[in-house]
């Protein structure tokens, strides 16, 4: 059945059942509608959710904004993404800051390790647009600032660079801000030891927080660890990697986690299959079987990337090209409008 027809069915069928997808009332926020689709994967298989990696910082293969910045968040919201992914480090005095590297060197006007500097000193640094070297007027955001800016507007995927034990404090902050349902935390669960650690953190953070297992087919040889993770963690999504080395043939079936058995497991546990098509200039498509943003945008073959993964059952795609991905997915029937 063509995806465009499936999308039509998902739009029309609720009219006969007395419900219309999307916001139920004027009081419902944009994030409420997003969370509804995130938490009910089986009801929204005809819609591919888009996650903006480090915010909406890239477009047409070029870096346009500072990564992990408030302006990148604003751009992602403007584009209509469902979720942004951000990286979290900590200052010397224990304040969480939104920063990918341990060092300030690459993305700011400052030098040195973030963990060696108090927040007041980090706040004097200005964000830099990598590639052009443009110095912006923006400061390194605190996690509290970024979460406050995202509240009621978009979901946030926290990539803690500090170890999963720090997720408890980050989530406590989100709960204090009244946006626990917008947060997705995550950890790799490729081994029994990692799964046990993830379960401990998940129990500590509470059931109102979406915890997402991450797995790579470089580490696991069958679906047993995947099924154990979703059975124990009861997640709404699983972030999955189809590892790729330069020179290999492009993936033809999406690898271990996107075959028929995996899609059946996703349906059984009502969860989204998440793929990363992120840029990596050393190994194009290294997380997505060679079918990454490089192919979609630079080679102008979006159907071989975003279309391919949607057809393999991915209902969440994390990308460095959210504008192009949303436009292509919408034009080809892989997204369902939120508005009536």
Protein backbone atom coordinates (compact mmCIF):
# COMPACT_ATOMS: atom_id res chain seq x y z
CA UNK A 1 0.00 0.00 0.00
CA UNK A 2 1.55 3.39 -0.96
CA UNK A 3 2.53 5.57 1.97
CA UNK A 4 0.47 8.47 0.67
CA UNK A 5 -2.65 6.30 0.83
CA UNK A 6 -1.73 5.09 4.31
CA UNK A 7 -1.35 8.69 5.44
CA UNK A 8 -4.78 9.46 3.98
CA UNK A 9 -6.32 6.56 5.88
CA UNK A 10 -4.74 7.71 9.14
CA UNK A 11 -6.23 11.16 8.60
CA UNK A 12 -9.72 10.07 7.56
CA UNK A 13 -10.34 6.98 9.70
CA UNK A 14 -10.49 8.90 13.01
CA UNK A 15 -13.38 10.97 11.62
CA UNK A 16 -15.48 7.82 11.59
CA UNK A 17 -14.30 6.91 15.08
CA UNK A 18 -15.12 10.30 16.57
CA UNK A 19 -11.54 11.55 16.92
CA UNK A 20 -9.28 13.79 14.88
CA UNK A 21 -5.48 13.44 15.13
CA UNK A 22 -3.56 16.44 16.38
CA UNK A 23 -4.33 18.95 19.13
CA UNK A 24 -7.59 18.23 20.89
CA UNK A 25 -8.22 21.75 22.15
CA UNK A 26 -7.02 25.33 21.93
CA UNK A 27 -5.29 24.86 25.30
CA UNK A 28 -3.16 21.99 24.09
CA UNK A 29 0.41 23.01 23.36
CA UNK A 30 2.50 22.02 20.37
CA UNK A 31 4.58 19.76 22.59
CA UNK A 32 1.44 18.02 23.88
CA UNK A 33 0.59 16.97 20.31
CA UNK A 34 4.17 15.83 19.71
CA UNK A 35 4.27 13.82 22.94
CA UNK A 36 1.00 12.13 21.96
CA UNK A 37 2.55 10.86 18.73
CA UNK A 38 5.77 9.90 20.48
CA UNK A 39 3.97 7.84 23.12
CA UNK A 40 1.67 6.00 20.70
CA UNK A 41 3.92 4.76 17.93
CA UNK A 42 1.49 2.19 16.57
CA UNK A 43 -1.20 4.83 16.03
CA UNK A 44 1.24 7.02 14.08
CA UNK A 45 3.16 4.59 11.87
CA UNK A 46 2.25 6.76 8.88
CA UNK A 47 4.12 9.76 10.30
CA UNK A 48 7.91 10.10 10.45
CA UNK A 49 9.06 12.32 13.31
CA UNK A 50 12.14 14.47 12.67
CA UNK A 51 14.81 15.11 15.29
CA UNK A 52 17.21 18.03 14.77
CA UNK A 53 20.73 17.03 15.78
CA UNK A 54 22.27 19.79 17.95
CA UNK A 55 19.32 21.97 16.94
CA UNK A 56 18.71 23.45 13.50
CA UNK A 57 22.37 24.37 12.94
CA UNK A 58 22.90 23.05 9.39
CA UNK A 59 21.24 23.57 6.01
CA UNK A 60 22.20 22.44 2.49
CA UNK A 61 25.38 20.83 3.76
CA UNK A 62 26.65 23.98 5.45
CA UNK A 63 26.79 25.09 9.08
CA UNK A 64 24.55 28.14 9.40
CA UNK A 65 24.23 28.59 13.17
CA UNK A 66 26.23 27.74 16.26
CA UNK A 67 25.52 24.18 17.33
CA UNK A 68 23.67 23.57 20.59
CA UNK A 69 22.65 27.25 20.67
CA UNK A 70 19.36 28.91 21.52
CA UNK A 71 19.20 30.24 17.94
CA UNK A 72 19.55 26.67 16.64
CA UNK A 73 16.67 25.65 18.91
CA UNK A 74 14.55 28.51 17.56
CA UNK A 75 15.34 27.53 14.00
CA UNK A 76 14.40 23.90 14.67
CA UNK A 77 11.06 24.93 16.18
CA UNK A 78 10.41 27.22 13.22
CA UNK A 79 11.03 24.31 10.84
CA UNK A 80 8.51 22.11 12.68
CA UNK A 81 10.73 19.37 14.11
CA UNK A 82 9.33 17.18 16.85
CA UNK A 83 12.51 17.00 18.90
CA UNK A 84 15.94 18.54 19.26
CA UNK A 85 19.01 16.68 20.46
CA UNK A 86 21.44 18.54 22.73
CA UNK A 87 24.69 17.64 24.45
CA UNK A 88 25.35 18.36 28.12
CA UNK A 89 28.61 19.05 29.97
CA UNK A 90 29.21 20.47 33.46
CA UNK A 91 31.12 23.46 34.80
CA UNK A 92 33.61 23.33 37.67
CA UNK A 93 30.93 24.52 40.06
CA UNK A 94 28.46 21.84 38.99
CA UNK A 95 26.24 23.75 36.56
CA UNK A 96 25.00 21.91 33.48
CA UNK A 97 25.86 23.63 30.18
CA UNK A 98 24.82 22.76 26.64
CA UNK A 99 28.08 21.85 24.92
CA UNK A 100 29.22 18.88 22.87
CA UNK A 101 32.95 18.70 23.57
CA UNK A 102 34.63 18.60 26.95
CA UNK A 103 36.72 21.48 25.61
CA UNK A 104 35.52 24.99 24.76
CA UNK A 105 38.05 25.31 21.94
CA UNK A 106 36.05 24.24 18.88
CA UNK A 107 32.72 25.96 19.42
CA UNK A 108 33.50 29.06 21.49
CA UNK A 109 35.93 31.98 21.74
CA UNK A 110 37.45 30.41 24.86
CA UNK A 111 40.07 27.73 25.41
CA UNK A 112 40.30 24.93 27.92
CA UNK A 113 38.10 22.30 29.52
CA UNK A 114 34.60 23.31 30.58
CA UNK A 115 34.90 21.23 33.74
CA UNK A 116 37.89 23.34 34.82
CA UNK A 117 36.01 26.65 34.66
CA UNK A 118 33.21 28.07 36.82
CA UNK A 119 29.97 28.93 35.10
CA UNK A 120 30.63 32.67 35.37
CA UNK A 121 33.77 32.26 33.28
CA UNK A 122 32.09 30.00 30.72
CA UNK A 123 29.35 32.60 30.34
CA UNK A 124 31.95 35.06 29.08
CA UNK A 125 32.62 32.81 26.10
CA UNK A 126 30.84 33.50 22.83
CA UNK A 127 29.62 30.76 20.53
CA UNK A 128 31.33 30.37 17.15
CA UNK A 129 29.80 29.12 13.91
CA UNK A 130 32.15 26.27 13.10
CA UNK A 131 33.46 26.36 9.56
CA UNK A 132 33.11 30.11 8.99
CA UNK A 133 34.64 31.07 12.32
CA UNK A 134 31.94 33.72 12.79
CA UNK A 135 31.74 34.87 16.40
CA UNK A 136 28.14 35.23 17.47
CA UNK A 137 26.59 37.29 20.25
CA UNK A 138 25.38 34.10 21.92
CA UNK A 139 26.73 32.61 25.11
CA UNK A 140 27.04 28.94 25.96
CA UNK A 141 23.50 28.15 27.19
CA UNK A 142 22.89 26.57 30.53
CA UNK A 143 20.69 23.50 30.42
CA UNK A 144 18.05 25.39 32.40
CA UNK A 145 17.98 28.17 29.77
CA UNK A 146 17.60 25.73 26.91
CA UNK A 147 14.89 23.70 28.61
CA UNK A 148 12.99 26.88 29.47
CA UNK A 149 13.16 27.96 25.82
CA UNK A 150 11.89 24.54 24.68
CA UNK A 151 9.03 24.30 27.18
CA UNK A 152 5.63 23.62 25.53
CA UNK A 153 7.22 23.86 22.07
CA UNK A 154 9.40 20.86 21.26
CA UNK A 155 10.71 17.67 22.86
CA UNK A 156 14.33 17.51 24.00
CA UNK A 157 16.67 14.52 23.72
CA UNK A 158 19.42 14.80 26.34
CA UNK A 159 22.78 13.39 25.28
CA UNK A 160 24.70 13.46 28.53
CA UNK A 161 28.44 13.51 27.91
CA UNK A 162 28.95 12.98 31.64
CA UNK A 163 27.70 9.42 32.05
CA UNK A 164 24.13 8.30 32.59
CA UNK A 165 24.36 8.74 36.37
CA UNK A 166 24.06 12.52 35.79
CA UNK A 167 20.72 12.13 34.01
CA UNK A 168 18.88 12.04 37.35
CA UNK A 169 19.83 15.63 38.17
CA UNK A 170 19.09 16.83 34.62
CA UNK A 171 15.66 15.27 34.70
CA UNK A 172 14.97 16.72 38.14
CA UNK A 173 15.54 20.12 36.55
CA UNK A 174 13.07 19.35 33.75
CA UNK A 175 10.51 18.17 36.27
CA UNK A 176 10.97 21.36 38.29
CA UNK A 177 10.25 23.33 35.09
CA UNK A 178 7.04 21.35 34.54
CA UNK A 179 8.20 19.69 31.31
CA UNK A 180 9.12 16.15 32.30
CA UNK A 181 6.97 14.72 29.51
CA UNK A 182 9.04 16.60 26.90
CA UNK A 183 12.33 14.96 27.90
CA UNK A 184 13.93 11.85 26.42
CA UNK A 185 17.03 10.49 28.12
CA UNK A 186 19.08 7.66 26.67
CA UNK A 187 21.97 5.24 27.07
CA UNK A 188 23.60 2.36 25.23
CA UNK A 189 22.34 -1.02 26.41
CA UNK A 190 24.35 -3.31 24.13
CA UNK A 191 25.54 -5.50 27.02
CA UNK A 192 23.83 -6.90 30.13
CA UNK A 193 25.99 -4.62 32.29
CA UNK A 194 24.95 -1.51 30.38
CA UNK A 195 21.30 -2.55 30.49
CA UNK A 196 21.50 -3.04 34.26
CA UNK A 197 23.00 0.45 34.66
CA UNK A 198 20.29 1.95 32.45
CA UNK A 199 17.56 0.23 34.45
CA UNK A 200 18.97 1.65 37.67
CA UNK A 201 18.93 5.19 36.27
CA UNK A 202 15.48 4.74 34.75
CA UNK A 203 14.05 3.64 38.09
CA UNK A 204 15.67 6.63 39.79
CA UNK A 205 14.33 9.14 37.27
CA UNK A 206 10.73 7.88 37.30
CA UNK A 207 8.23 6.48 34.85
CA UNK A 208 7.11 9.92 33.63
CA UNK A 209 10.43 10.29 31.80
CA UNK A 210 10.91 8.62 28.44
CA UNK A 211 14.11 6.56 28.55
CA UNK A 212 15.44 5.43 25.17
CA UNK A 213 17.78 2.47 24.71
CA UNK A 214 20.57 2.77 22.14
CA UNK A 215 21.98 -0.24 20.31
CA UNK A 216 24.50 -0.79 17.54
CA UNK A 217 24.67 -3.79 15.22
CA UNK A 218 28.46 -3.56 15.56
CA UNK A 219 28.04 -4.84 19.12
CA UNK A 220 25.07 -7.22 19.05
CA UNK A 221 24.64 -10.14 16.68
CA UNK A 222 20.94 -10.86 17.16
CA UNK A 223 17.77 -9.26 18.48
CA UNK A 224 17.93 -10.72 21.99
CA UNK A 225 19.56 -7.60 23.57
CA UNK A 226 17.07 -5.38 21.73
CA UNK A 227 14.08 -7.33 22.99
CA UNK A 228 15.49 -7.48 26.52
CA UNK A 229 15.95 -3.70 26.52
CA UNK A 230 12.45 -2.89 25.33
CA UNK A 231 10.89 -5.46 27.64
CA UNK A 232 12.72 -4.13 30.71
CA UNK A 233 12.72 -0.40 29.94
CA UNK A 234 9.31 -0.21 28.17
CA UNK A 235 10.53 2.72 26.02
CA UNK A 236 8.61 4.73 23.45
CA UNK A 237 11.57 4.65 21.03
CA UNK A 238 14.84 2.85 20.42
CA UNK A 239 17.84 4.57 18.82
CA UNK A 240 19.44 2.05 16.48
CA UNK A 241 22.64 2.06 14.47
CA UNK A 242 23.28 0.29 11.18
CA UNK A 243 27.08 0.56 11.22
CA UNK A 244 28.85 1.28 7.94
CA UNK A 245 32.46 1.35 6.74
CA UNK A 246 33.52 3.34 3.68
CA UNK A 247 33.67 1.15 0.59
CA UNK A 248 31.05 -1.34 1.72
CA UNK A 249 27.85 -1.75 -0.31
CA UNK A 250 25.01 0.45 0.89
CA UNK A 251 22.60 -1.31 3.20
CA UNK A 252 19.83 -3.02 1.26
CA UNK A 253 17.54 -3.88 4.17
CA UNK A 254 18.49 -1.55 7.01
CA UNK A 255 20.49 -4.15 8.88
CA UNK A 256 19.57 -6.18 11.94
CA UNK A 257 17.31 -3.61 13.59
CA UNK A 258 15.13 -2.80 10.58
CA UNK A 259 14.29 -6.26 9.25
CA UNK A 260 10.82 -7.75 9.43
CA UNK A 261 11.49 -9.31 12.84
CA UNK A 262 12.55 -5.96 14.29
CA UNK A 263 9.54 -4.17 12.86
CA UNK A 264 7.29 -6.84 14.37
CA UNK A 265 9.00 -6.35 17.73
CA UNK A 266 8.44 -2.59 17.46
CA UNK A 267 4.74 -3.15 16.81
CA UNK A 268 4.46 -5.62 19.67
CA UNK A 269 5.98 -3.16 22.15
CA UNK A 270 4.46 -0.03 20.54
CA UNK A 271 7.73 1.80 20.03
CA UNK A 272 9.40 3.95 17.39
CA UNK A 273 12.46 2.79 15.48
CA UNK A 274 14.94 5.68 15.38
CA UNK A 275 17.77 6.03 12.84
CA UNK A 276 20.52 8.67 12.67
CA UNK A 277 21.39 9.96 9.18
CA UNK A 278 23.90 12.48 10.53
CA UNK A 279 26.80 13.90 8.56
CA UNK A 280 30.22 12.36 9.03
CA UNK A 281 32.76 13.42 6.44
CA UNK A 282 35.18 10.63 7.31
CA UNK A 283 32.63 7.83 6.93
CA UNK A 284 29.53 9.03 5.13
CA UNK A 285 26.41 7.43 6.56
CA UNK A 286 28.44 5.62 9.21
CA UNK A 287 25.38 5.25 11.47
CA UNK A 288 22.89 4.51 8.73
CA UNK A 289 24.27 1.87 6.39
CA UNK A 290 25.91 4.47 4.15
CA UNK A 291 22.55 6.17 3.59
CA UNK A 292 23.14 9.45 5.40
CA UNK A 293 22.57 13.17 4.98
CA UNK A 294 25.55 13.35 2.63
CA UNK A 295 23.66 11.23 0.10
CA UNK A 296 20.34 12.95 0.71
CA UNK A 297 21.58 16.51 0.26
CA UNK A 298 25.01 16.61 -1.35
CA UNK A 299 24.18 13.85 -3.83
CA UNK A 300 20.54 15.00 -4.09
CA UNK A 301 19.13 11.53 -3.41
CA UNK A 302 16.73 12.10 -0.50
CA UNK A 303 14.55 9.15 -1.45
CA UNK A 304 17.53 6.82 -1.06
CA UNK A 305 18.00 8.09 2.49
CA UNK A 306 14.91 9.43 4.25
CA UNK A 307 12.54 7.52 1.96
CA UNK A 308 14.55 4.33 2.31
CA UNK A 309 14.56 4.47 6.11
CA UNK A 310 10.87 5.31 6.29
CA UNK A 311 10.10 2.28 4.14
CA UNK A 312 12.26 0.12 6.42
CA UNK A 313 10.07 1.11 9.35
CA UNK A 314 11.89 4.09 10.87
CA UNK A 315 9.34 6.48 12.37
CA UNK A 316 12.00 8.77 13.85
CA UNK A 317 14.91 10.20 11.88
CA UNK A 318 17.61 12.29 13.53
CA UNK A 319 19.26 14.50 10.94
CA UNK A 320 21.56 17.46 10.46
CA UNK A 321 19.23 18.59 7.64
CA UNK A 322 15.83 19.03 9.31
CA UNK A 323 14.54 21.57 6.77
CA UNK A 324 15.22 19.35 3.76
CA UNK A 325 14.09 16.19 5.53
CA UNK A 326 10.74 17.64 6.60
CA UNK A 327 10.10 19.12 3.16
CA UNK A 328 10.84 15.84 1.38
CA UNK A 329 8.93 13.66 3.84
CA UNK A 330 5.89 15.95 3.68
CA UNK A 331 5.93 16.10 -0.12
CA UNK A 332 6.07 12.32 -0.35
CA UNK A 333 3.34 11.41 2.14
CA UNK A 334 5.47 10.42 5.12
CA UNK A 335 4.17 13.11 7.49
CA UNK A 336 0.72 13.94 8.77
CA UNK A 337 -0.08 17.61 9.52
CA UNK A 338 -0.65 18.59 13.13
CA UNK A 339 -3.20 21.23 12.22
CA UNK A 340 -6.80 20.38 11.30
